[in-house]
C-alpha atoms as a PDB file:
ATOM      1  CA  MET A   1     219.993 -11.282 -68.660  1.00  0.00           C
ATOM      2  CA  GLY A   2     220.841  -7.401 -68.607  1.00  0.00           C
ATOM      3  CA  PHE A   3     221.230  -4.555 -66.536  1.00  0.00           C
ATOM      4  CA  HIS A   4     219.599  -3.801 -63.126  1.00  0.00           C
ATOM      5  CA  MET A   5     218.944  -0.400 -62.661  1.00  0.00           C
ATOM      6  CA  LEU A   6     218.561   1.959 -59.275  1.00  0.00           C
ATOM      7  CA  ALA A   7     217.032   5.439 -60.111  1.00  0.00           C
ATOM      8  CA  MET A   8     218.003   8.178 -57.421  1.00  0.00           C
ATOM      9  CA  CYS A   9     215.107  10.543 -57.116  1.00  0.00           C
ATOM     10  CA  ASP A  10     216.795  14.219 -56.184  1.00  0.00           C
ATOM     11  CA  GLN A  11     213.814  15.625 -57.277  1.00  0.00           C
ATOM     12  CA  SER A  12     210.515  14.581 -58.340  1.00  0.00           C
ATOM     13  CA  ALA A  13     207.414  15.816 -57.985  1.00  0.00           C
ATOM     14  CA  ARG A  14     203.707  14.966 -60.845  1.00  0.00           C
ATOM     15  CA  ARG A  15     200.686  15.855 -61.531  1.00  0.00           C
ATOM     16  CA  ASP A  16     199.491  13.217 -62.842  1.00  0.00           C
ATOM     17  CA  GLY A  17     201.495  10.253 -63.711  1.00  0.00           C
ATOM     18  CA  GLU A  18     202.411   6.187 -62.965  1.00  0.00           C
ATOM     19  CA  THR A  19     205.366   3.900 -62.110  1.00  0.00           C
ATOM     20  CA  PHE A  20     204.616   0.162 -63.052  1.00  0.00           C
ATOM     21  CA  VAL A  21     208.016  -1.871 -61.679  1.00  0.00           C
ATOM     22  CA  GLU A  22     206.985  -5.857 -62.311  1.00  0.00           C
ATOM     23  CA  GLY A  23     206.147  -8.238 -59.467  1.00  0.00           C
ATOM     24  CA  LEU A  24     204.773  -4.600 -57.759  1.00  0.00           C
ATOM     25  CA  PRO A  25     201.658  -2.863 -57.865  1.00  0.00           C
ATOM     26  CA  ARG A  26     201.757   0.400 -59.429  1.00  0.00           C
ATOM     27  CA  SER A  27     202.190   3.567 -57.948  1.00  0.00           C
ATOM     28  CA  THR A  28     200.611   6.541 -58.342  1.00  0.00           C
ATOM     29  CA  LEU A  29     202.490   8.273 -56.064  1.00  0.00           C
ATOM     30  CA  ARG A  30     202.745  12.369 -56.604  1.00  0.00           C
ATOM     31  CA  ASP A  31     206.297  13.244 -54.733  1.00  0.00           C
ATOM     32  CA  THR A  32     208.964  10.968 -54.797  1.00  0.00           C
ATOM     33  CA  SER A  33     211.804  13.201 -54.253  1.00  0.00           C
ATOM     34  CA  ARG A  34     214.599  11.521 -52.291  1.00  0.00           C
ATOM     35  CA  LYS A  35     213.106   8.185 -52.857  1.00  0.00           C
ATOM     36  CA  LEU A  36     214.836   5.483 -54.307  1.00  0.00           C
ATOM     37  CA  LEU A  37     213.980   2.516 -57.155  1.00  0.00           C
ATOM     38  CA  PHE A  38     215.189  -0.404 -57.787  1.00  0.00           C
ATOM     39  CA  VAL A  39     214.246  -3.046 -61.282  1.00  0.00           C
ATOM     40  CA  PRO A  40     216.538  -6.092 -60.781  1.00  0.00           C
ATOM     41  CA  ALA A  41     217.069  -7.546 -64.658  1.00  0.00           C
ATOM     42  CA  GLY A  42     214.572  -9.038 -66.478  1.00  0.00           C
ATOM     43  CA  HIS A  43     211.571  -7.038 -65.109  1.00  0.00           C
ATOM     44  CA  ASN A  44     209.970  -4.796 -66.968  1.00  0.00           C
ATOM     45  CA  TYR A  45     209.481  -0.845 -66.241  1.00  0.00           C
ATOM     46  CA  TYR A  46     207.800   2.233 -67.065  1.00  0.00           C
ATOM     47  CA  GLU A  47     206.620   5.155 -66.093  1.00  0.00           C
ATOM     48  CA  TRP A  48     204.810   8.362 -67.335  1.00  0.00           C
ATOM     49  CA  GLN A  49     204.764  11.492 -65.127  1.00  0.00           C
ATOM     50  CA  GLU A  50     203.107  15.042 -66.012  1.00  0.00           C
ATOM     51  CA  PRO A  51     205.614  16.642 -63.819  1.00  0.00           C
ATOM     52  CA  ARG A  52     204.833  19.393 -61.133  1.00  0.00           C
ATOM     53  CA  THR A  53     208.532  20.958 -60.700  1.00  0.00           C
ATOM     54  CA  LEU A  54     211.625  20.262 -62.347  1.00  0.00           C
ATOM     55  CA  THR A  55     212.480  16.410 -62.303  1.00  0.00           C
ATOM     56  CA  ARG A  56     216.286  15.637 -61.495  1.00  0.00           C
ATOM     57  CA  VAL A  57     216.648  11.476 -61.312  1.00  0.00           C
ATOM     58  CA  THR A  58     220.040   9.998 -61.455  1.00  0.00           C
ATOM     59  CA  TYR A  59     220.474   6.310 -63.178  1.00  0.00           C
ATOM     60  CA  PHE A  60     222.650   4.085 -61.830  1.00  0.00           C
ATOM     61  CA  TYR A  61     223.385   1.113 -64.461  1.00  0.00           C
ATOM     62  CA  PHE A  62     224.855  -2.730 -62.687  1.00  0.00           C
ATOM     63  CA  ASP A  63     225.728  -5.096 -65.266  1.00  0.00           C
ATOM     64  CA  ALA A  64     224.007  -8.749 -63.624  1.00  0.00           C
ATOM     65  CA  PRO A  65     225.913 -10.844 -65.423  1.00  0.00           C
ATOM     66  CA  THR A  66     229.593  -9.547 -64.508  1.00  0.00           C
ATOM     67  CA  LEU A  67     228.489  -9.201 -61.456  1.00  0.00           C
ATOM     68  CA  PRO A  68     229.405 -12.951 -58.870  1.00  0.00           C
ATOM     69  CA  ALA A  69     226.803 -15.154 -58.221  1.00  0.00           C
ATOM     70  CA  GLN A  70     226.805 -14.109 -54.598  1.00  0.00           C
ATOM     71  CA  PHE A  71     225.215 -10.955 -55.397  1.00  0.00           C
ATOM     72  CA  GLU A  72     221.955 -11.763 -56.481  1.00  0.00           C
ATOM     73  CA  ILE A  73     219.424  -8.955 -56.457  1.00  0.00           C
ATOM     74  CA  ASP A  74     216.081 -10.324 -57.622  1.00  0.00           C
ATOM     75  CA  ALA A  75     213.509  -8.209 -55.616  1.00  0.00           C
ATOM     76  CA  PRO A  76     212.393  -4.436 -57.143  1.00  0.00           C
ATOM     77  CA  ARG A  77     211.759  -1.971 -54.841  1.00  0.00           C
ATOM     78  CA  LEU A  78     209.571   1.018 -55.473  1.00  0.00           C
ATOM     79  CA  TYR A  79     210.042   4.206 -54.190  1.00  0.00           C
ATOM     80  CA  PHE A  80     212.202   2.573 -50.645  1.00  0.00           C
ATOM     81  CA  GLU A  81     214.419   5.235 -48.608  1.00  0.00           C
ATOM     82  CA  ASP A  82     217.557   3.951 -47.361  1.00  0.00           C
ATOM     83  CA  PRO A  83     219.958   6.145 -45.595  1.00  0.00           C
ATOM     84  CA  THR A  84     222.967   4.684 -46.817  1.00  0.00           C
ATOM     85  CA  ILE A  85     222.215   3.675 -50.115  1.00  0.00           C
ATOM     86  CA  TRP A  86     221.193   7.453 -50.369  1.00  0.00           C
ATOM     87  CA  ASP A  87     224.373   8.449 -49.366  1.00  0.00           C
ATOM     88  CA  THR A  88     226.375   5.775 -51.330  1.00  0.00           C
ATOM     89  CA  ALA A  89     224.594   6.583 -54.251  1.00  0.00           C
ATOM     90  CA  LEU A  90     224.521  10.266 -53.626  1.00  0.00           C
ATOM     91  CA  LYS A  91     228.735  10.150 -53.222  1.00  0.00           C
ATOM     92  CA  LEU A  92     228.912   7.885 -56.318  1.00  0.00           C
ATOM     93  CA  LYS A  93     226.981  10.723 -58.227  1.00  0.00           C
ATOM     94  CA  ARG A  94     228.531  14.000 -57.319  1.00  0.00           C
ATOM     95  CA  LEU A  95     232.066  12.110 -58.011  1.00  0.00           C
ATOM     96  CA  VAL A  96     231.337  11.210 -61.975  1.00  0.00           C
ATOM     97  CA  GLU A  97     229.957  14.571 -61.976  1.00  0.00           C
ATOM     98  CA  SER A  98     233.526  15.726 -61.539  1.00  0.00           C
ATOM     99  CA  ARG A  99     235.861  12.945 -61.655  1.00  0.00           C
ATOM    100  CA  THR A 100     238.793  13.409 -62.981  1.00  0.00           C
ATOM    101  CA  ALA A 101     241.438   9.985 -64.014  1.00  0.00           C
ATOM    102  CA  GLU A 102     242.666   9.541 -60.433  1.00  0.00           C
ATOM    103  CA  ASP A 103     238.973   8.925 -59.270  1.00  0.00           C
ATOM    104  CA  GLN A 104     238.627   6.042 -60.927  1.00  0.00           C
ATOM    105  CA  LEU A 105     239.647   3.302 -58.384  1.00  0.00           C
ATOM    106  CA  TYR A 106     236.934   5.449 -56.211  1.00  0.00           C
ATOM    107  CA  VAL A 107     234.361   5.105 -58.549  1.00  0.00           C
ATOM    108  CA  GLU A 108     234.927   1.298 -58.847  1.00  0.00           C
ATOM    109  CA  ALA A 109     235.186   0.732 -55.054  1.00  0.00           C
ATOM    110  CA  LEU A 110     231.960   2.745 -54.619  1.00  0.00           C
ATOM    111  CA  GLY A 111     229.627   1.027 -57.707  1.00  0.00           C
ATOM    112  CA  ALA A 112     231.121  -2.181 -55.284  1.00  0.00           C
ATOM    113  CA  VAL A 113     230.124  -1.050 -52.397  1.00  0.00           C
ATOM    114  CA  LEU A 114     226.169   0.118 -53.819  1.00  0.00           C
ATOM    115  CA  VAL A 115     225.930  -3.117 -55.379  1.00  0.00           C
ATOM    116  CA  HIS A 116     226.679  -4.578 -51.757  1.00  0.00           C
ATOM    117  CA  GLU A 117     224.168  -2.011 -49.988  1.00  0.00           C
ATOM    118  CA  LEU A 118     221.547  -3.181 -52.679  1.00  0.00           C
ATOM    119  CA  VAL A 119     222.719  -7.008 -52.207  1.00  0.00           C
ATOM    120  CA  ARG A 120     221.734  -5.929 -48.235  1.00  0.00           C
ATOM    121  CA  LEU A 121     218.325  -5.031 -48.436  1.00  0.00           C
ATOM    122  CA  ASN A 122     217.478  -7.538 -50.946  1.00  0.00           C
ATOM    123  CA  ARG A 123     218.156  -9.935 -48.215  1.00  0.00           C
ATOM    124  CA  GLY A 124     216.662  -8.202 -45.985  1.00  0.00           C
ATOM    125  CA  ASN A 125     219.365  -7.221 -43.655  1.00  0.00           C
ATOM    126  CA  ARG A 126     217.554  -4.208 -42.666  1.00  0.00           C
ATOM    127  CA  ARG A 127     218.966  -0.628 -40.459  1.00  0.00           C
ATOM    128  CA  ILE A 128     217.427   0.704 -36.766  1.00  0.00           C
ATOM    129  CA  GLU A 129     215.448   2.969 -37.580  1.00  0.00           C
ATOM    130  CA  GLN A 130     216.342   5.584 -34.668  1.00  0.00           C
ATOM    131  CA  VAL A 131     213.269   7.149 -33.191  1.00  0.00           C
ATOM    132  CA  THR A 132     212.970  11.121 -32.871  1.00  0.00           C
ATOM    133  CA  LYS A 133     212.518  11.476 -28.585  1.00  0.00           C
ATOM    134  CA  GLY A 134     208.733  12.131 -28.609  1.00  0.00           C
ATOM    135  CA  GLY A 135     207.695  12.183 -32.006  1.00  0.00           C
ATOM    136  CA  LEU A 136     207.186   9.871 -35.281  1.00  0.00           C
ATOM    137  CA  ALA A 137     209.692   7.004 -35.838  1.00  0.00           C
ATOM    138  CA  ALA A 138     210.621   7.214 -39.133  1.00  0.00           C
ATOM    139  CA  TRP A 139     208.560   4.550 -40.384  1.00  0.00           C
ATOM    140  CA  GLN A 140     205.253   5.963 -39.201  1.00  0.00           C
ATOM    141  CA  GLN A 141     206.872   9.710 -40.836  1.00  0.00           C
ATOM    142  CA  ARG A 142     206.904   7.856 -44.554  1.00  0.00           C
ATOM    143  CA  ILE A 143     203.540   5.476 -43.710  1.00  0.00           C
ATOM    144  CA  THR A 144     201.726   9.136 -42.980  1.00  0.00           C
ATOM    145  CA  THR A 145     203.092  11.244 -45.174  1.00  0.00           C
ATOM    146  CA  ALA A 146     202.947   8.948 -48.651  1.00  0.00           C
ATOM    147  CA  TYR A 147     198.806   8.503 -47.355  1.00  0.00           C
ATOM    148  CA  ILE A 148     198.946  12.208 -47.080  1.00  0.00           C
ATOM    149  CA  GLU A 149     200.366  12.633 -50.534  1.00  0.00           C
ATOM    150  CA  GLU A 150     198.564   9.878 -52.634  1.00  0.00           C
ATOM    151  CA  HIS A 151     194.628  11.240 -50.992  1.00  0.00           C
ATOM    152  CA  LEU A 152     195.969  15.432 -51.355  1.00  0.00           C
ATOM    153  CA  ALA A 153     192.532  15.468 -53.209  1.00  0.00           C
ATOM    154  CA  GLU A 154     190.745  13.775 -50.431  1.00  0.00           C
ATOM    155  CA  PRO A 155     189.741  14.623 -46.893  1.00  0.00           C
ATOM    156  CA  ILE A 156     192.038  13.033 -44.765  1.00  0.00           C
ATOM    157  CA  SER A 157     190.676  12.036 -41.232  1.00  0.00           C
ATOM    158  CA  LEU A 158     192.688  12.341 -38.071  1.00  0.00           C
ATOM    159  CA  THR A 159     191.416   8.976 -37.095  1.00  0.00           C
ATOM    160  CA  ILE A 160     192.877   7.182 -40.189  1.00  0.00           C
ATOM    161  CA  LEU A 161     196.637   8.613 -39.698  1.00  0.00           C
ATOM    162  CA  ALA A 162     196.611   7.936 -35.960  1.00  0.00           C
ATOM    163  CA  GLY A 163     195.423   3.943 -37.546  1.00  0.00           C
ATOM    164  CA  LEU A 164     197.776   3.454 -39.785  1.00  0.00           C
ATOM    165  CA  VAL A 165     200.556   4.284 -37.584  1.00  0.00           C
ATOM    166  CA  ARG A 166     199.014   1.976 -34.895  1.00  0.00           C
ATOM    167  CA  LEU A 167     198.471   5.030 -32.721  1.00  0.00           C
ATOM    168  CA  SER A 168     195.606   6.751 -31.418  1.00  0.00           C
ATOM    169  CA  PRO A 169     194.439   9.894 -32.438  1.00  0.00           C
ATOM    170  CA  TYR A 170     195.476  11.852 -28.735  1.00  0.00           C
ATOM    171  CA  TYR A 171     198.963  10.309 -28.849  1.00  0.00           C
ATOM    172  CA  PHE A 172     199.275  11.404 -32.768  1.00  0.00           C
ATOM    173  CA  CYS A 173     198.838  14.969 -32.795  1.00  0.00           C
ATOM    174  CA  ARG A 174     201.610  15.027 -30.060  1.00  0.00           C
ATOM    175  CA  ALA A 175     203.679  12.866 -31.359  1.00  0.00           C
ATOM    176  CA  SER A 176     203.248  14.975 -35.020  1.00  0.00           C
ATOM    177  CA  SER A 177     203.835  18.248 -33.095  1.00  0.00           C
ATOM    178  CA  ASN A 178     207.201  16.758 -32.069  1.00  0.00           C
ATOM    179  CA  LEU A 179     208.753  16.821 -35.433  1.00  0.00           C
END
């Protein structure tokens, strides 16, 4: 069965490259900083890149056969954001980097919480995202940013950006100026 892999891209920007996770379309996203990537056990994954900056990625591996049956995680995720998973992974990363013998129980507990959060995400239980008053919602910011990053070398019209997030060009300008 193998291992599940969670990659936490703390800092990662590339001039060129591609990421592939079986079951998902390929990604050529240039800036993957503060993004997560999840590859379930048994799924193929490969990536190549020409880095633009120093890359800092932390990989977490979970032994799939040792997880209880109710912890089935089978949905791959490519460059997603989830503040709860990010915060838990960051705590675990920091603890592992500076851990002492008395931290072992806390490391195990955080690992279990991280698995629970991945199961929650796999089941589709999403957090309610806060809307910035007078600005773009978090999902709108992500979609706009991702589009701009993917089409950086091309002219990008205001009408296209507004249409991506279901707003008129006028309201898009007003909302995005509040960021």
